[in-house]
Amino acid sequence: ENPKRVALIFSVPLKVEQEFTRQTFVLDGILGDADSVRKVHNIGAVAENALKAIKVRTIGELRTYLQGNQSNKERVAKGLTFGKLRRSLSEHDEEQKKLNQGEASLKDVLEAIPQFVWGVGT
């Protein structure tokens, strides 16, 4: 009817057609403190290994570690200072904040898409 209209049509066996309920969307992309430090921009394999050596594996552990070490010029490893880690984490947090805001509006859009069930089979 309307070529610009979007709908989701689920093709399911007839025997489960009546029980089939509206599907919810799980958006993947927002990182949490349990995710690897490698997900933070500018932290590559060398930095990740240097952080692992001091028992920092997750974003949350990095956050805690940086709070306990206020120096910006002190080096964690060659070419890796606390200041550089703070900047990288700050940029990461800003990016995640924007993604989180975008995810909320995207979720609203996805939830507004009509869903239909089409029973198939005998």
PDB file of N, CA and C in Angstrom:
ATOM      1  N   GLU A   1       0.817  -1.188   0.000  1.00  0.00           N
ATOM      2  CA  GLU A   1       0.000   0.000   0.000  1.00  0.00           C
ATOM      3  C   GLU A   1       0.865   1.257   0.000  1.00  0.00           C
ATOM      4  N   ASN A   2       1.786   1.360   0.935  1.00  0.00           N
ATOM      5  CA  ASN A   2       2.687   2.498   1.003  1.00  0.00           C
ATOM      6  C   ASN A   2       4.110   1.983   0.806  1.00  0.00           C
ATOM      7  N   PRO A   3       4.765   2.325  -0.298  1.00  0.00           N
ATOM      8  CA  PRO A   3       6.096   1.770  -0.573  1.00  0.00           C
ATOM      9  C   PRO A   3       7.168   2.215   0.421  1.00  0.00           C
ATOM     10  N   LYS A   4       6.880   3.229   1.222  1.00  0.00           N
ATOM     11  CA  LYS A   4       7.856   3.691   2.211  1.00  0.00           C
ATOM     12  C   LYS A   4       7.610   3.097   3.593  1.00  0.00           C
ATOM     13  N   ARG A   5       6.607   2.288   3.716  1.00  0.00           N
ATOM     14  CA  ARG A   5       6.268   1.679   4.997  1.00  0.00           C
ATOM     15  C   ARG A   5       7.167   0.477   5.268  1.00  0.00           C
ATOM     16  N   VAL A   6       7.528   0.316   6.506  1.00  0.00           N
ATOM     17  CA  VAL A   6       8.364  -0.803   6.925  1.00  0.00           C
ATOM     18  C   VAL A   6       7.554  -1.682   7.863  1.00  0.00           C
ATOM     19  N   ALA A   7       7.712  -2.982   7.717  1.00  0.00           N
ATOM     20  CA  ALA A   7       7.074  -3.933   8.629  1.00  0.00           C
ATOM     21  C   ALA A   7       7.952  -5.168   8.717  1.00  0.00           C
ATOM     22  N   LEU A   8       7.854  -5.848   9.834  1.00  0.00           N
ATOM     23  CA  LEU A   8       8.555  -7.119  10.002  1.00  0.00           C
ATOM     24  C   LEU A   8       7.533  -8.240   9.909  1.00  0.00           C
ATOM     25  N   ILE A   9       7.822  -9.209   9.078  1.00  0.00           N
ATOM     26  CA  ILE A   9       6.930 -10.355   8.927  1.00  0.00           C
ATOM     27  C   ILE A   9       7.715 -11.594   9.327  1.00  0.00           C
ATOM     28  N   PHE A  10       7.206 -12.292  10.332  1.00  0.00           N
ATOM     29  CA  PHE A  10       7.850 -13.504  10.815  1.00  0.00           C
ATOM     30  C   PHE A  10       7.102 -14.707  10.277  1.00  0.00           C
ATOM     31  N   SER A  11       7.809 -15.559   9.603  1.00  0.00           N
ATOM     32  CA  SER A  11       7.242 -16.794   9.072  1.00  0.00           C
ATOM     33  C   SER A  11       7.530 -17.901  10.086  1.00  0.00           C
ATOM     34  N   VAL A  12       6.457 -18.444  10.682  1.00  0.00           N
ATOM     35  CA  VAL A  12       6.622 -19.458  11.732  1.00  0.00           C
ATOM     36  C   VAL A  12       5.715 -20.647  11.438  1.00  0.00           C
ATOM     37  N   PRO A  13       6.024 -21.811  12.008  1.00  0.00           N
ATOM     38  CA  PRO A  13       5.137 -22.964  11.822  1.00  0.00           C
ATOM     39  C   PRO A  13       3.733 -22.662  12.355  1.00  0.00           C
ATOM     40  N   LEU A  14       2.714 -23.189  11.665  1.00  0.00           N
ATOM     41  CA  LEU A  14       1.322 -22.953  12.063  1.00  0.00           C
ATOM     42  C   LEU A  14       1.066 -23.294  13.524  1.00  0.00           C
ATOM     43  N   LYS A  15       1.689 -24.368  14.016  1.00  0.00           N
ATOM     44  CA  LYS A  15       1.402 -24.810  15.383  1.00  0.00           C
ATOM     45  C   LYS A  15       1.869 -23.812  16.457  1.00  0.00           C
ATOM     46  N   VAL A  16       2.764 -22.889  16.118  1.00  0.00           N
ATOM     47  CA  VAL A  16       3.198 -21.892  17.109  1.00  0.00           C
ATOM     48  C   VAL A  16       2.748 -20.471  16.750  1.00  0.00           C
ATOM     49  N   GLU A  17       1.983 -20.360  15.690  1.00  0.00           N
ATOM     50  CA  GLU A  17       1.565 -19.027  15.229  1.00  0.00           C
ATOM     51  C   GLU A  17       0.811 -18.253  16.318  1.00  0.00           C
ATOM     52  N   GLN A  18      -0.096 -18.911  17.015  1.00  0.00           N
ATOM     53  CA  GLN A  18      -0.909 -18.224  18.025  1.00  0.00           C
ATOM     54  C   GLN A  18      -0.095 -17.797  19.250  1.00  0.00           C
ATOM     55  N   GLU A  19       0.951 -18.553  19.562  1.00  0.00           N
ATOM     56  CA  GLU A  19       1.758 -18.237  20.743  1.00  0.00           C
ATOM     57  C   GLU A  19       2.879 -17.242  20.446  1.00  0.00           C
ATOM     58  N   PHE A  20       3.113 -16.992  19.176  1.00  0.00           N
ATOM     59  CA  PHE A  20       4.224 -16.117  18.794  1.00  0.00           C
ATOM     60  C   PHE A  20       3.918 -14.697  19.252  1.00  0.00           C
ATOM     61  N   THR A  21       4.818 -14.097  20.024  1.00  0.00           N
ATOM     62  CA  THR A  21       4.582 -12.757  20.575  1.00  0.00           C
ATOM     63  C   THR A  21       5.486 -11.723  19.902  1.00  0.00           C
ATOM     64  N   ARG A  22       5.167 -10.503  20.152  1.00  0.00           N
ATOM     65  CA  ARG A  22       5.961  -9.403  19.608  1.00  0.00           C
ATOM     66  C   ARG A  22       7.414  -9.580  20.034  1.00  0.00           C
ATOM     67  N   GLN A  23       8.310  -9.373  19.096  1.00  0.00           N
ATOM     68  CA  GLN A  23       9.732  -9.534  19.363  1.00  0.00           C
ATOM     69  C   GLN A  23      10.324  -8.218  19.866  1.00  0.00           C
ATOM     70  N   THR A  24      11.245  -8.332  20.795  1.00  0.00           N
ATOM     71  CA  THR A  24      11.920  -7.138  21.298  1.00  0.00           C
ATOM     72  C   THR A  24      13.308  -7.049  20.667  1.00  0.00           C
ATOM     73  N   PHE A  25      13.816  -5.857  20.600  1.00  0.00           N
ATOM     74  CA  PHE A  25      15.115  -5.618  19.982  1.00  0.00           C
ATOM     75  C   PHE A  25      16.179  -5.442  21.055  1.00  0.00           C
ATOM     76  N   VAL A  26      17.287  -6.102  20.866  1.00  0.00           N
ATOM     77  CA  VAL A  26      18.436  -5.938  21.748  1.00  0.00           C
ATOM     78  C   VAL A  26      19.531  -5.299  20.906  1.00  0.00           C
ATOM     79  N   LEU A  27      19.844  -4.069  21.234  1.00  0.00           N
ATOM     80  CA  LEU A  27      20.867  -3.346  20.486  1.00  0.00           C
ATOM     81  C   LEU A  27      22.218  -3.593  21.130  1.00  0.00           C
ATOM     82  N   ASP A  28      23.157  -4.004  20.327  1.00  0.00           N
ATOM     83  CA  ASP A  28      24.495  -4.304  20.813  1.00  0.00           C
ATOM     84  C   ASP A  28      25.444  -3.237  20.301  1.00  0.00           C
ATOM     85  N   GLY A  29      26.212  -2.671  21.151  1.00  0.00           N
ATOM     86  CA  GLY A  29      27.147  -1.647  20.711  1.00  0.00           C
ATOM     87  C   GLY A  29      27.598  -0.758  21.847  1.00  0.00           C
ATOM     88  N   ILE A  30      26.781  -0.652  22.878  1.00  0.00           N
ATOM     89  CA  ILE A  30      27.167   0.146  24.018  1.00  0.00           C
ATOM     90  C   ILE A  30      28.080  -0.700  24.893  1.00  0.00           C
ATOM     91  N   LEU A  31      29.240  -0.162  25.189  1.00  0.00           N
ATOM     92  CA  LEU A  31      30.219  -0.890  25.985  1.00  0.00           C
ATOM     93  C   LEU A  31      30.074  -0.524  27.452  1.00  0.00           C
ATOM     94  N   GLY A  32      30.341  -1.484  28.302  1.00  0.00           N
ATOM     95  CA  GLY A  32      30.279  -1.249  29.734  1.00  0.00           C
ATOM     96  C   GLY A  32      31.639  -1.419  30.380  1.00  0.00           C
ATOM     97  N   ASP A  33      31.679  -1.195  31.672  1.00  0.00           N
ATOM     98  CA  ASP A  33      32.934  -1.303  32.401  1.00  0.00           C
ATOM     99  C   ASP A  33      33.491  -2.722  32.423  1.00  0.00           C
ATOM    100  N   ALA A  34      32.679  -3.722  32.113  1.00  0.00           N
ATOM    101  CA  ALA A  34      33.154  -5.109  32.098  1.00  0.00           C
ATOM    102  C   ALA A  34      33.852  -5.461  30.781  1.00  0.00           C
ATOM    103  N   ASP A  35      33.747  -4.594  29.784  1.00  0.00           N
ATOM    104  CA  ASP A  35      34.370  -4.867  28.486  1.00  0.00           C
ATOM    105  C   ASP A  35      35.880  -4.636  28.539  1.00  0.00           C
ATOM    106  N   SER A  36      36.577  -5.263  27.612  1.00  0.00           N
ATOM    107  CA  SER A  36      38.039  -5.204  27.538  1.00  0.00           C
ATOM    108  C   SER A  36      38.543  -3.787  27.279  1.00  0.00           C
ATOM    109  N   VAL A  37      39.699  -3.470  27.873  1.00  0.00           N
ATOM    110  CA  VAL A  37      40.326  -2.165  27.623  1.00  0.00           C
ATOM    111  C   VAL A  37      40.653  -1.990  26.146  1.00  0.00           C
ATOM    112  N   ARG A  38      40.766  -3.063  25.435  1.00  0.00           N
ATOM    113  CA  ARG A  38      41.087  -3.011  24.002  1.00  0.00           C
ATOM    114  C   ARG A  38      39.993  -2.292  23.210  1.00  0.00           C
ATOM    115  N   LYS A  39      38.795  -2.205  23.773  1.00  0.00           N
ATOM    116  CA  LYS A  39      37.682  -1.527  23.096  1.00  0.00           C
ATOM    117  C   LYS A  39      37.808  -0.004  23.173  1.00  0.00           C
ATOM    118  N   VAL A  40      38.714   0.485  24.017  1.00  0.00           N
ATOM    119  CA  VAL A  40      38.926   1.927  24.150  1.00  0.00           C
ATOM    120  C   VAL A  40      39.838   2.388  23.017  1.00  0.00           C
ATOM    121  N   HIS A  41      39.431   3.465  22.342  1.00  0.00           N
ATOM    122  CA  HIS A  41      40.202   4.020  21.229  1.00  0.00           C
ATOM    123  C   HIS A  41      41.632   4.315  21.673  1.00  0.00           C
ATOM    124  N   ASN A  42      42.592   4.015  20.830  1.00  0.00           N
ATOM    125  CA  ASN A  42      44.027   4.226  21.062  1.00  0.00           C
ATOM    126  C   ASN A  42      44.665   3.205  21.994  1.00  0.00           C
ATOM    127  N   ILE A  43      43.935   2.195  22.406  1.00  0.00           N
ATOM    128  CA  ILE A  43      44.555   1.125  23.186  1.00  0.00           C
ATOM    129  C   ILE A  43      44.652  -0.088  22.280  1.00  0.00           C
ATOM    130  N   GLY A  44      45.863  -0.321  21.813  1.00  0.00           N
ATOM    131  CA  GLY A  44      46.125  -1.455  20.931  1.00  0.00           C
ATOM    132  C   GLY A  44      46.718  -2.614  21.714  1.00  0.00           C
ATOM    133  N   ALA A  45      47.306  -3.544  20.994  1.00  0.00           N
ATOM    134  CA  ALA A  45      47.842  -4.762  21.610  1.00  0.00           C
ATOM    135  C   ALA A  45      48.970  -4.462  22.595  1.00  0.00           C
ATOM    136  N   VAL A  46      49.860  -3.538  22.245  1.00  0.00           N
ATOM    137  CA  VAL A  46      50.994  -3.221  23.127  1.00  0.00           C
ATOM    138  C   VAL A  46      50.487  -2.621  24.439  1.00  0.00           C
ATOM    139  N   ALA A  47      49.595  -1.631  24.328  1.00  0.00           N
ATOM    140  CA  ALA A  47      49.034  -1.004  25.531  1.00  0.00           C
ATOM    141  C   ALA A  47      48.222  -2.015  26.335  1.00  0.00           C
ATOM    142  N   GLU A  48      47.466  -2.849  25.644  1.00  0.00           N
ATOM    143  CA  GLU A  48      46.666  -3.865  26.337  1.00  0.00           C
ATOM    144  C   GLU A  48      47.572  -4.792  27.148  1.00  0.00           C
ATOM    145  N   ASN A  49      48.669  -5.230  26.561  1.00  0.00           N
ATOM    146  CA  ASN A  49      49.598  -6.113  27.274  1.00  0.00           C
ATOM    147  C   ASN A  49      50.250  -5.411  28.459  1.00  0.00           C
ATOM    148  N   ALA A  50      50.587  -4.132  28.293  1.00  0.00           N
ATOM    149  CA  ALA A  50      51.166  -3.367  29.403  1.00  0.00           C
ATOM    150  C   ALA A  50      50.159  -3.245  30.543  1.00  0.00           C
ATOM    151  N   LEU A  51      48.907  -3.031  30.197  1.00  0.00           N
ATOM    152  CA  LEU A  51      47.866  -2.920  31.222  1.00  0.00           C
ATOM    153  C   LEU A  51      47.595  -4.274  31.884  1.00  0.00           C
ATOM    154  N   LYS A  52      47.624  -5.339  31.098  1.00  0.00           N
ATOM    155  CA  LYS A  52      47.444  -6.679  31.674  1.00  0.00           C
ATOM    156  C   LYS A  52      48.527  -6.975  32.705  1.00  0.00           C
ATOM    157  N   ALA A  53      49.742  -6.503  32.432  1.00  0.00           N
ATOM    158  CA  ALA A  53      50.864  -6.736  33.346  1.00  0.00           C
ATOM    159  C   ALA A  53      50.626  -6.101  34.715  1.00  0.00           C
ATOM    160  N   ILE A  54      49.807  -5.045  34.754  1.00  0.00           N
ATOM    161  CA  ILE A  54      49.483  -4.415  36.040  1.00  0.00           C
ATOM    162  C   ILE A  54      48.059  -4.760  36.470  1.00  0.00           C
ATOM    163  N   LYS A  55      47.548  -5.852  35.932  1.00  0.00           N
ATOM    164  CA  LYS A  55      46.238  -6.420  36.311  1.00  0.00           C
ATOM    165  C   LYS A  55      45.057  -5.522  35.947  1.00  0.00           C
ATOM    166  N   VAL A  56      45.175  -4.792  34.835  1.00  0.00           N
ATOM    167  CA  VAL A  56      44.078  -3.961  34.333  1.00  0.00           C
ATOM    168  C   VAL A  56      43.624  -4.567  33.021  1.00  0.00           C
ATOM    169  N   ARG A  57      42.448  -5.203  33.051  1.00  0.00           N
ATOM    170  CA  ARG A  57      41.946  -5.896  31.858  1.00  0.00           C
ATOM    171  C   ARG A  57      40.655  -5.293  31.303  1.00  0.00           C
ATOM    172  N   THR A  58      39.882  -4.667  32.175  1.00  0.00           N
ATOM    173  CA  THR A  58      38.582  -4.148  31.747  1.00  0.00           C
ATOM    174  C   THR A  58      38.559  -2.623  31.805  1.00  0.00           C
ATOM    175  N   ILE A  59      37.547  -2.051  31.176  1.00  0.00           N
ATOM    176  CA  ILE A  59      37.379  -0.595  31.193  1.00  0.00           C
ATOM    177  C   ILE A  59      37.164  -0.118  32.628  1.00  0.00           C
ATOM    178  N   GLY A  60      36.402  -0.867  33.397  1.00  0.00           N
ATOM    179  CA  GLY A  60      36.163  -0.514  34.803  1.00  0.00           C
ATOM    180  C   GLY A  60      37.441  -0.542  35.626  1.00  0.00           C
ATOM    181  N   GLU A  61      38.278  -1.560  35.396  1.00  0.00           N
ATOM    182  CA  GLU A  61      39.558  -1.637  36.109  1.00  0.00           C
ATOM    183  C   GLU A  61      40.465  -0.477  35.713  1.00  0.00           C
ATOM    184  N   LEU A  62      40.420  -0.084  34.445  1.00  0.00           N
ATOM    185  CA  LEU A  62      41.206   1.065  33.983  1.00  0.00           C
ATOM    186  C   LEU A  62      40.726   2.338  34.674  1.00  0.00           C
ATOM    187  N   ARG A  63      39.417   2.498  34.761  1.00  0.00           N
ATOM    188  CA  ARG A  63      38.836   3.675  35.406  1.00  0.00           C
ATOM    189  C   ARG A  63      39.307   3.760  36.874  1.00  0.00           C
ATOM    190  N   THR A  64      39.227   2.638  37.584  1.00  0.00           N
ATOM    191  CA  THR A  64      39.653   2.581  38.988  1.00  0.00           C
ATOM    192  C   THR A  64      41.150   2.847  39.110  1.00  0.00           C
ATOM    193  N   TYR A  65      41.916   2.249  38.232  1.00  0.00           N
ATOM    194  CA  TYR A  65      43.372   2.413  38.250  1.00  0.00           C
ATOM    195  C   TYR A  65      43.752   3.877  38.047  1.00  0.00           C
ATOM    196  N   LEU A  66      43.100   4.542  37.109  1.00  0.00           N
ATOM    197  CA  LEU A  66      43.420   5.946  36.835  1.00  0.00           C
ATOM    198  C   LEU A  66      43.011   6.858  37.987  1.00  0.00           C
ATOM    199  N   GLN A  67      41.931   6.511  38.678  1.00  0.00           N
ATOM    200  CA  GLN A  67      41.511   7.317  39.829  1.00  0.00           C
ATOM    201  C   GLN A  67      42.544   7.242  40.952  1.00  0.00           C
ATOM    202  N   GLY A  68      43.214   6.100  41.062  1.00  0.00           N
ATOM    203  CA  GLY A  68      44.221   5.922  42.103  1.00  0.00           C
ATOM    204  C   GLY A  68      45.593   6.454  41.732  1.00  0.00           C
ATOM    205  N   ASN A  69      45.784   6.883  40.507  1.00  0.00           N
ATOM    206  CA  ASN A  69      47.075   7.389  40.027  1.00  0.00           C
ATOM    207  C   ASN A  69      46.857   8.737  39.349  1.00  0.00           C
ATOM    208  N   GLN A  70      47.140   9.801  40.083  1.00  0.00           N
ATOM    209  CA  GLN A  70      46.810  11.140  39.602  1.00  0.00           C
ATOM    210  C   GLN A  70      47.842  11.754  38.654  1.00  0.00           C
ATOM    211  N   SER A  71      49.038  11.214  38.610  1.00  0.00           N
ATOM    212  CA  SER A  71      50.078  11.762  37.734  1.00  0.00           C
ATOM    213  C   SER A  71      49.663  11.620  36.273  1.00  0.00           C
ATOM    214  N   ASN A  72      49.953  12.633  35.464  1.00  0.00           N
ATOM    215  CA  ASN A  72      49.664  12.540  34.032  1.00  0.00           C
ATOM    216  C   ASN A  72      50.895  12.169  33.221  1.00  0.00           C
ATOM    217  N   LYS A  73      52.082  12.485  33.750  1.00  0.00           N
ATOM    218  CA  LYS A  73      53.307  12.267  32.981  1.00  0.00           C
ATOM    219  C   LYS A  73      53.958  10.923  33.265  1.00  0.00           C
ATOM    220  N   GLU A  74      53.623  10.326  34.397  1.00  0.00           N
ATOM    221  CA  GLU A  74      54.210   9.033  34.741  1.00  0.00           C
ATOM    222  C   GLU A  74      53.812   7.995  33.696  1.00  0.00           C
ATOM    223  N   ARG A  75      54.741   7.138  33.373  1.00  0.00           N
ATOM    224  CA  ARG A  75      54.513   6.139  32.326  1.00  0.00           C
ATOM    225  C   ARG A  75      54.025   4.821  32.907  1.00  0.00           C
ATOM    226  N   VAL A  76      53.056   4.254  32.227  1.00  0.00           N
ATOM    227  CA  VAL A  76      52.593   2.906  32.542  1.00  0.00           C
ATOM    228  C   VAL A  76      53.493   1.929  31.799  1.00  0.00           C
ATOM    229  N   ALA A  77      53.854   2.310  30.591  1.00  0.00           N
ATOM    230  CA  ALA A  77      54.760   1.530  29.740  1.00  0.00           C
ATOM    231  C   ALA A  77      55.386   2.516  28.762  1.00  0.00           C
ATOM    232  N   LYS A  78      56.306   2.050  27.957  1.00  0.00           N
ATOM    233  CA  LYS A  78      56.971   2.922  26.985  1.00  0.00           C
ATOM    234  C   LYS A  78      55.930   3.570  26.068  1.00  0.00           C
ATOM    235  N   GLY A  79      55.913   4.902  26.061  1.00  0.00           N
ATOM    236  CA  GLY A  79      54.982   5.634  25.210  1.00  0.00           C
ATOM    237  C   GLY A  79      53.550   5.678  25.721  1.00  0.00           C
ATOM    238  N   LEU A  80      53.326   5.170  26.930  1.00  0.00           N
ATOM    239  CA  LEU A  80      51.962   5.114  27.468  1.00  0.00           C
ATOM    240  C   LEU A  80      51.939   5.781  28.839  1.00  0.00           C
ATOM    241  N   THR A  81      51.418   7.005  28.877  1.00  0.00           N
ATOM    242  CA  THR A  81      51.354   7.749  30.135  1.00  0.00           C
ATOM    243  C   THR A  81      49.942   7.704  30.698  1.00  0.00           C
ATOM    244  N   PHE A  82      49.841   8.068  31.983  1.00  0.00           N
ATOM    245  CA  PHE A  82      48.519   8.153  32.604  1.00  0.00           C
ATOM    246  C   PHE A  82      47.662   9.193  31.889  1.00  0.00           C
ATOM    247  N   GLY A  83      48.300  10.294  31.467  1.00  0.00           N
ATOM    248  CA  GLY A  83      47.569  11.340  30.752  1.00  0.00           C
ATOM    249  C   GLY A  83      46.965  10.830  29.456  1.00  0.00           C
ATOM    250  N   LYS A  84      47.748  10.060  28.710  1.00  0.00           N
ATOM    251  CA  LYS A  84      47.250   9.498  27.445  1.00  0.00           C
ATOM    252  C   LYS A  84      46.089   8.538  27.708  1.00  0.00           C
ATOM    253  N   LEU A  85      46.216   7.725  28.749  1.00  0.00           N
ATOM    254  CA  LEU A  85      45.127   6.802  29.092  1.00  0.00           C
ATOM    255  C   LEU A  85      43.870   7.562  29.502  1.00  0.00           C
ATOM    256  N   ARG A  86      44.056   8.644  30.285  1.00  0.00           N
ATOM    257  CA  ARG A  86      42.898   9.455  30.697  1.00  0.00           C
ATOM    258  C   ARG A  86      42.192  10.063  29.482  1.00  0.00           C
ATOM    259  N   ARG A  87      42.974  10.599  28.546  1.00  0.00           N
ATOM    260  CA  ARG A  87      42.378  11.182  27.334  1.00  0.00           C
ATOM    261  C   ARG A  87      41.614  10.123  26.548  1.00  0.00           C
ATOM    262  N   SER A  88      42.224   8.958  26.400  1.00  0.00           N
ATOM    263  CA  SER A  88      41.569   7.880  25.646  1.00  0.00           C
ATOM    264  C   SER A  88      40.274   7.459  26.322  1.00  0.00           C
ATOM    265  N   LEU A  89      40.304   7.338  27.648  1.00  0.00           N
ATOM    266  CA  LEU A  89      39.104   6.935  28.382  1.00  0.00           C
ATOM    267  C   LEU A  89      38.037   8.023  28.310  1.00  0.00           C
ATOM    268  N   SER A  90      38.456   9.278  28.384  1.00  0.00           N
ATOM    269  CA  SER A  90      37.511  10.394  28.285  1.00  0.00           C
ATOM    270  C   SER A  90      36.841  10.415  26.906  1.00  0.00           C
ATOM    271  N   GLU A  91      37.625  10.222  25.850  1.00  0.00           N
ATOM    272  CA  GLU A  91      37.065  10.163  24.489  1.00  0.00           C
ATOM    273  C   GLU A  91      36.110   8.978  24.359  1.00  0.00           C
ATOM    274  N   HIS A  92      36.495   7.860  24.944  1.00  0.00           N
ATOM    275  CA  HIS A  92      35.645   6.662  24.929  1.00  0.00           C
ATOM    276  C   HIS A  92      34.309   6.963  25.610  1.00  0.00           C
ATOM    277  N   ASP A  93      34.364   7.602  26.782  1.00  0.00           N
ATOM    278  CA  ASP A  93      33.140   7.909  27.529  1.00  0.00           C
ATOM    279  C   ASP A  93      32.223   8.846  26.745  1.00  0.00           C
ATOM    280  N   GLU A  94      32.804   9.848  26.090  1.00  0.00           N
ATOM    281  CA  GLU A  94      32.004  10.774  25.277  1.00  0.00           C
ATOM    282  C   GLU A  94      31.339  10.040  24.110  1.00  0.00           C
ATOM    283  N   GLU A  95      32.096   9.182  23.454  1.00  0.00           N
ATOM    284  CA  GLU A  95      31.560   8.412  22.330  1.00  0.00           C
ATOM    285  C   GLU A  95      30.422   7.499  22.791  1.00  0.00           C
ATOM    286  N   GLN A  96      30.604   6.849  23.934  1.00  0.00           N
ATOM    287  CA  GLN A  96      29.574   5.957  24.457  1.00  0.00           C
ATOM    288  C   GLN A  96      28.323   6.733  24.861  1.00  0.00           C
ATOM    289  N   LYS A  97      28.519   7.941  25.388  1.00  0.00           N
ATOM    290  CA  LYS A  97      27.388   8.789  25.763  1.00  0.00           C
ATOM    291  C   LYS A  97      26.544   9.120  24.529  1.00  0.00           C
ATOM    292  N   LYS A  98      27.215   9.479  23.437  1.00  0.00           N
ATOM    293  CA  LYS A  98      26.503   9.776  22.185  1.00  0.00           C
ATOM    294  C   LYS A  98      25.789   8.537  21.658  1.00  0.00           C
ATOM    295  N   LEU A  99      26.472   7.398  21.704  1.00  0.00           N
ATOM    296  CA  LEU A  99      25.846   6.149  21.246  1.00  0.00           C
ATOM    297  C   LEU A  99      24.633   5.807  22.088  1.00  0.00           C
ATOM    298  N   ASN A 100      24.739   6.031  23.380  1.00  0.00           N
ATOM    299  CA  ASN A 100      23.642   5.724  24.287  1.00  0.00           C
ATOM    300  C   ASN A 100      22.423   6.579  23.961  1.00  0.00           C
ATOM    301  N   GLN A 101      22.650   7.853  23.673  1.00  0.00           N
ATOM    302  CA  GLN A 101      21.544   8.738  23.300  1.00  0.00           C
ATOM    303  C   GLN A 101      20.938   8.301  21.974  1.00  0.00           C
ATOM    304  N   GLY A 102      21.794   7.952  21.017  1.00  0.00           N
ATOM    305  CA  GLY A 102      21.313   7.482  19.720  1.00  0.00           C
ATOM    306  C   GLY A 102      20.587   6.163  19.831  1.00  0.00           C
ATOM    307  N   GLU A 103      21.061   5.295  20.733  1.00  0.00           N
ATOM    308  CA  GLU A 103      20.426   3.990  20.907  1.00  0.00           C
ATOM    309  C   GLU A 103      19.009   4.148  21.431  1.00  0.00           C
ATOM    310  N   ALA A 104      18.807   5.107  22.340  1.00  0.00           N
ATOM    311  CA  ALA A 104      17.472   5.317  22.893  1.00  0.00           C
ATOM    312  C   ALA A 104      16.493   5.706  21.790  1.00  0.00           C
ATOM    313  N   SER A 105      16.890   6.619  20.906  1.00  0.00           N
ATOM    314  CA  SER A 105      15.979   7.027  19.838  1.00  0.00           C
ATOM    315  C   SER A 105      15.831   5.926  18.793  1.00  0.00           C
ATOM    316  N   LEU A 106      16.902   5.173  18.516  1.00  0.00           N
ATOM    317  CA  LEU A 106      16.808   4.060  17.578  1.00  0.00           C
ATOM    318  C   LEU A 106      15.873   2.986  18.117  1.00  0.00           C
ATOM    319  N   LYS A 107      15.951   2.726  19.408  1.00  0.00           N
ATOM    320  CA  LYS A 107      15.075   1.725  20.024  1.00  0.00           C
ATOM    321  C   LYS A 107      13.609   2.140  19.866  1.00  0.00           C
ATOM    322  N   ASP A 108      13.312   3.426  20.043  1.00  0.00           N
ATOM    323  CA  ASP A 108      11.943   3.918  19.850  1.00  0.00           C
ATOM    324  C   ASP A 108      11.476   3.678  18.419  1.00  0.00           C
ATOM    325  N   VAL A 109      12.348   3.944  17.454  1.00  0.00           N
ATOM    326  CA  VAL A 109      12.009   3.732  16.044  1.00  0.00           C
ATOM    327  C   VAL A 109      11.738   2.257  15.784  1.00  0.00           C
ATOM    328  N   LEU A 110      12.619   1.397  16.281  1.00  0.00           N
ATOM    329  CA  LEU A 110      12.453  -0.042  16.062  1.00  0.00           C
ATOM    330  C   LEU A 110      11.182  -0.573  16.721  1.00  0.00           C
ATOM    331  N   GLU A 111      10.870  -0.064  17.899  1.00  0.00           N
ATOM    332  CA  GLU A 111       9.660  -0.513  18.596  1.00  0.00           C
ATOM    333  C   GLU A 111       8.387  -0.081  17.864  1.00  0.00           C
ATOM    334  N   ALA A 112       8.468   0.971  17.062  1.00  0.00           N
ATOM    335  CA  ALA A 112       7.296   1.457  16.331  1.00  0.00           C
ATOM    336  C   ALA A 112       7.030   0.668  15.049  1.00  0.00           C
ATOM    337  N   ILE A 113       7.958  -0.174  14.635  1.00  0.00           N
ATOM    338  CA  ILE A 113       7.775  -0.958  13.410  1.00  0.00           C
ATOM    339  C   ILE A 113       6.726  -2.037  13.663  1.00  0.00           C
ATOM    340  N   PRO A 114       5.676  -2.089  12.834  1.00  0.00           N
ATOM    341  CA  PRO A 114       4.667  -3.131  13.025  1.00  0.00           C
ATOM    342  C   PRO A 114       5.250  -4.515  12.746  1.00  0.00           C
ATOM    343  N   GLN A 115       4.771  -5.488  13.510  1.00  0.00           N
ATOM    344  CA  GLN A 115       5.233  -6.863  13.346  1.00  0.00           C
ATOM    345  C   GLN A 115       4.030  -7.754  13.042  1.00  0.00           C
ATOM    346  N   PHE A 116       4.216  -8.641  12.080  1.00  0.00           N
ATOM    347  CA  PHE A 116       3.160  -9.571  11.689  1.00  0.00           C
ATOM    348  C   PHE A 116       3.698 -10.995  11.704  1.00  0.00           C
ATOM    349  N   VAL A 117       2.800 -11.934  11.952  1.00  0.00           N
ATOM    350  CA  VAL A 117       3.174 -13.348  11.961  1.00  0.00           C
ATOM    351  C   VAL A 117       2.444 -14.040  10.822  1.00  0.00           C
ATOM    352  N   TRP A 118       3.170 -14.843  10.093  1.00  0.00           N
ATOM    353  CA  TRP A 118       2.618 -15.601   8.980  1.00  0.00           C
ATOM    354  C   TRP A 118       2.846 -17.072   9.283  1.00  0.00           C
ATOM    355  N   GLY A 119       1.761 -17.785   9.536  1.00  0.00           N
ATOM    356  CA  GLY A 119       1.873 -19.215   9.813  1.00  0.00           C
ATOM    357  C   GLY A 119       2.036 -19.999   8.522  1.00  0.00           C
ATOM    358  N   VAL A 120       2.993 -20.908   8.503  1.00  0.00           N
ATOM    359  CA  VAL A 120       3.235 -21.727   7.314  1.00  0.00           C
ATOM    360  C   VAL A 120       3.250 -23.201   7.700  1.00  0.00           C
ATOM    361  N   GLY A 121       2.994 -24.035   6.738  1.00  0.00           N
ATOM    362  CA  GLY A 121       3.033 -25.481   6.964  1.00  0.00           C
ATOM    363  C   GLY A 121       1.640 -26.054   7.148  1.00  0.00           C
ATOM    364  N   THR A 122       1.619 -27.263   7.676  1.00  0.00           N
ATOM    365  CA  THR A 122       0.318 -27.934   7.864  1.00  0.00           C
ATOM    366  C   THR A 122      -0.046 -28.069   9.305  1.00  0.00           C
TER     367      THR A 122
END
